[in-house]
């Protein structure tokens, strides 16, 4: 009976060690930002709050140039891009603007203290 109990303990410890090794060997994945309920592949989504919270709106390059909704005008707290595009800050319409190129895969959890506090529009190209 003693050898059976000892064998079960060894098997239990061996199994625990194996699980720990597998957990450490698994590749780490970064937590992906959440996707707005209206987001589709190819969208760039904007949120008024940091960490993808608050009012949200998604834009698609097929929409062409679009002014952002009032809740996000000069008030983008975070964004996630599944397409290329351009964020635009109008300094003097129509001849002076500041732009930021956005690439598919770009995202910022905190953007309001950067260019997010200036965004007026989104377009397919700068």
Protein backbone atom coordinates (compact mmCIF):
# COMPACT_ATOMS: atom_id res chain seq x y z
CA UNK A 1 0.00 0.00 0.00
CA UNK A 2 2.85 2.38 0.82
CA UNK A 3 4.43 2.02 -2.63
CA UNK A 4 1.09 2.76 -4.34
CA UNK A 5 0.60 5.96 -2.30
CA UNK A 6 4.17 7.01 -3.00
CA UNK A 7 3.72 6.33 -6.72
CA UNK A 8 0.55 8.45 -6.79
CA UNK A 9 2.37 11.34 -5.08
CA UNK A 10 5.24 11.16 -7.59
CA UNK A 11 2.77 11.10 -10.48
CA UNK A 12 0.91 14.09 -9.03
CA UNK A 13 4.12 16.11 -8.57
CA UNK A 14 5.33 15.14 -12.05
CA UNK A 15 2.02 16.25 -13.57
CA UNK A 16 2.14 19.57 -11.72
CA UNK A 17 5.70 20.21 -12.88
CA UNK A 18 4.74 19.38 -16.47
CA UNK A 19 1.82 21.84 -16.36
CA UNK A 20 4.07 24.57 -14.95
CA UNK A 21 6.62 24.01 -17.72
CA UNK A 22 3.93 24.16 -20.41
CA UNK A 23 2.52 27.36 -18.95
CA UNK A 24 5.95 28.98 -19.06
CA UNK A 25 6.73 27.71 -22.54
CA UNK A 26 3.49 28.96 -24.11
CA UNK A 27 4.02 32.14 -26.14
CA UNK A 28 2.84 35.31 -24.43
CA UNK A 29 0.13 37.21 -26.23
CA UNK A 30 -0.65 40.86 -25.69
CA UNK A 31 -4.22 41.58 -24.75
CA UNK A 32 -5.94 42.90 -27.83
CA UNK A 33 -7.96 46.06 -27.46
CA UNK A 34 -11.71 45.50 -27.44
CA UNK A 35 -13.67 45.97 -30.62
CA UNK A 36 -16.70 48.21 -30.68
CA UNK A 37 -19.97 46.42 -31.44
CA UNK A 38 -20.19 48.23 -34.78
CA UNK A 39 -16.56 47.60 -35.79
CA UNK A 40 -15.81 45.63 -38.92
CA UNK A 41 -12.59 44.44 -40.48
CA UNK A 42 -11.03 47.45 -42.14
CA UNK A 43 -12.38 50.01 -39.63
CA UNK A 44 -10.60 52.59 -37.52
CA UNK A 45 -12.49 52.99 -34.23
CA UNK A 46 -12.25 55.96 -31.88
CA UNK A 47 -13.32 56.24 -28.23
CA UNK A 48 -13.77 59.37 -26.14
CA UNK A 49 -12.20 57.75 -23.07
CA UNK A 50 -8.91 56.07 -22.41
CA UNK A 51 -8.74 52.28 -22.53
CA UNK A 52 -11.50 52.08 -25.19
CA UNK A 53 -14.27 53.50 -23.02
CA UNK A 54 -16.88 56.21 -23.50
CA UNK A 55 -18.53 57.27 -26.74
CA UNK A 56 -17.28 55.32 -29.75
CA UNK A 57 -17.43 55.66 -33.51
CA UNK A 58 -15.94 53.58 -36.33
CA UNK A 59 -14.82 54.85 -39.72
CA UNK A 60 -13.96 52.90 -42.86
CA UNK A 61 -11.69 54.12 -45.72
CA UNK A 62 -14.56 53.49 -48.12
CA UNK A 63 -16.41 56.35 -46.37
CA UNK A 64 -13.82 58.85 -47.66
CA UNK A 65 -13.15 62.05 -45.74
CA UNK A 66 -15.44 62.38 -42.69
CA UNK A 67 -15.57 64.90 -39.84
CA UNK A 68 -15.62 63.02 -36.52
CA UNK A 69 -18.89 63.17 -34.52
CA UNK A 70 -19.21 66.02 -31.97
CA UNK A 71 -18.56 63.71 -28.98
CA UNK A 72 -15.11 62.89 -30.43
CA UNK A 73 -14.17 66.28 -31.92
CA UNK A 74 -10.86 67.19 -30.22
CA UNK A 75 -11.73 64.42 -27.76
CA UNK A 76 -10.29 61.03 -28.82
CA UNK A 77 -9.09 59.22 -25.71
CA UNK A 78 -8.11 55.97 -27.46
CA UNK A 79 -8.23 54.35 -30.90
CA UNK A 80 -7.73 51.07 -32.72
CA UNK A 81 -6.98 50.78 -36.45
CA UNK A 82 -7.76 47.83 -38.69
CA UNK A 83 -7.04 49.93 -41.77
CA UNK A 84 -4.70 52.66 -42.96
CA UNK A 85 -5.95 56.22 -42.67
CA UNK A 86 -5.18 59.76 -41.62
CA UNK A 87 -6.20 61.77 -38.56
CA UNK A 88 -6.66 65.47 -39.36
CA UNK A 89 -6.54 68.59 -37.19
CA UNK A 90 -7.77 71.63 -39.11
CA UNK A 91 -5.78 74.73 -38.19
CA UNK A 92 -7.37 76.87 -40.92
CA UNK A 93 -9.90 75.30 -43.30
CA UNK A 94 -9.18 74.54 -46.14
CA UNK A 95 -5.49 75.30 -46.45
CA UNK A 96 -3.76 74.58 -43.12
CA UNK A 97 -3.96 71.24 -41.39
CA UNK A 98 -1.89 68.99 -39.17
CA UNK A 99 -2.06 65.26 -39.88
CA UNK A 100 -1.08 61.91 -38.43
CA UNK A 101 -0.74 58.80 -40.56
CA UNK A 102 -2.49 55.77 -39.06
CA UNK A 103 -1.53 52.23 -40.13
CA UNK A 104 -3.46 48.99 -39.90
CA UNK A 105 -2.62 47.53 -36.48
CA UNK A 106 -1.95 50.87 -34.76
CA UNK A 107 -3.69 51.49 -31.46
CA UNK A 108 -3.35 53.73 -28.44
CA UNK A 109 -4.99 53.13 -25.09
CA UNK A 110 -4.27 56.73 -24.04
CA UNK A 111 -4.33 59.28 -26.86
CA UNK A 112 -6.13 62.40 -25.63
CA UNK A 113 -2.97 64.08 -24.30
CA UNK A 114 -1.39 63.52 -27.72
CA UNK A 115 -2.99 64.09 -31.13
CA UNK A 116 -6.33 62.70 -29.86
CA UNK A 117 -7.05 66.08 -28.28
CA UNK A 118 -6.88 67.69 -31.74
CA UNK A 119 -8.66 65.30 -34.14
CA UNK A 120 -11.33 66.94 -36.32
CA UNK A 121 -11.61 64.44 -39.18
CA UNK A 122 -10.48 61.11 -40.62
CA UNK A 123 -9.53 60.43 -44.25
CA UNK A 124 -8.08 57.57 -46.30
CA UNK A 125 -4.85 59.50 -46.96
CA UNK A 126 -3.03 62.50 -45.55
